[in-house]
Amino acid sequence: MNAPEWLRVSEAKRLFGISKPKLYQLIHAGTIRSAALRSPQQVRGTRLISSMSLRTYIEALADAQAKEGRP
């Protein structure tokens, strides 16, 4: 998969098949890297997710499940 280095939440959802609430849960837990593009006065901004950290999370999950003998 040739995903860009940083993805909007909607792109990460589409490319990786992970729901928006789950992505935000992973962000808030510090499991995946993200950055918010906004100026200090703004409340809202554009949230970007590191595709590498998302791939690393999925690979670690797959490895752990394989060790447990789960498909």
Protein backbone atom coordinates (compact mmCIF):
# COMPACT_ATOMS: atom_id res chain seq x y z
CA MET A 1 0.00 0.00 0.00
CA ASN A 2 1.44 3.39 -0.97
CA ALA A 3 -0.17 5.64 1.60
CA PRO A 4 1.13 9.17 2.15
CA GLU A 5 3.23 9.75 5.27
CA TRP A 6 0.42 11.71 6.96
CA LEU A 7 -3.30 11.07 6.48
CA ARG A 8 -6.49 12.89 7.38
CA VAL A 9 -8.74 10.85 9.67
CA SER A 10 -11.15 10.17 6.79
CA GLU A 11 -8.28 8.86 4.61
CA ALA A 12 -6.96 6.62 7.39
CA LYS A 13 -10.47 5.28 7.91
CA ARG A 14 -10.84 4.48 4.22
CA LEU A 15 -7.34 3.04 3.67
CA PHE A 16 -7.08 0.96 6.84
CA GLY A 17 -10.74 0.15 7.52
CA ILE A 18 -10.62 1.47 11.09
CA SER A 19 -13.57 3.45 12.42
CA LYS A 20 -13.25 7.12 13.29
CA PRO A 21 -13.97 6.54 17.02
CA LYS A 22 -11.31 3.80 17.14
CA LEU A 23 -8.75 6.09 15.46
CA TYR A 24 -9.40 8.83 18.03
CA GLN A 25 -9.20 6.24 20.83
CA LEU A 26 -5.76 5.16 19.55
CA ILE A 27 -4.66 8.81 19.25
CA HIS A 28 -5.75 9.68 22.80
CA ALA A 29 -4.08 6.53 24.18
CA GLY A 30 -0.83 7.56 22.49
CA THR A 31 -0.79 4.36 20.43
CA ILE A 32 -0.56 6.17 17.10
CA ARG A 33 1.01 9.53 16.28
CA SER A 34 -1.04 12.48 15.16
CA ALA A 35 -0.79 16.22 14.76
CA ALA A 36 -3.42 18.94 14.67
CA LEU A 37 -2.94 21.68 12.09
CA ARG A 38 -4.33 24.83 13.64
CA SER A 39 -3.19 28.19 14.91
CA PRO A 40 -3.08 28.76 18.68
CA GLN A 41 -6.34 30.76 18.66
CA GLN A 42 -8.30 28.08 16.83
CA VAL A 43 -10.35 25.44 18.62
CA ARG A 44 -10.75 23.25 15.55
CA GLY A 45 -8.15 22.17 13.06
CA THR A 46 -7.18 19.40 10.69
CA ARG A 47 -6.10 16.20 12.44
CA LEU A 48 -3.38 14.24 10.63
CA ILE A 49 -2.36 10.67 11.47
CA SER A 50 1.04 9.12 10.84
CA SER A 51 0.48 6.22 8.43
CA MET A 52 3.71 4.59 9.67
CA SER A 53 2.51 4.54 13.28
CA LEU A 54 -0.82 3.11 12.16
CA ARG A 55 0.94 0.36 10.17
CA THR A 56 3.21 -0.37 13.14
CA TYR A 57 0.17 -0.71 15.41
CA ILE A 58 -1.58 -3.10 13.01
CA GLU A 59 1.60 -5.19 12.51
CA ALA A 60 2.09 -5.48 16.29
CA LEU A 61 -1.54 -6.52 16.68
CA ALA A 62 -1.19 -9.14 13.93
CA ASP A 63 2.05 -10.47 15.45
CA ALA A 64 0.47 -10.76 18.90
CA GLN A 65 -2.53 -12.59 17.48
CA ALA A 66 -0.30 -14.95 15.48
CA LYS A 67 1.65 -15.85 18.64
CA GLU A 68 -1.66 -16.66 20.31
CA GLY A 69 -2.62 -18.83 17.35
CA ARG A 70 -5.48 -16.55 16.34
CA PRO A 71 -6.14 -15.83 12.67
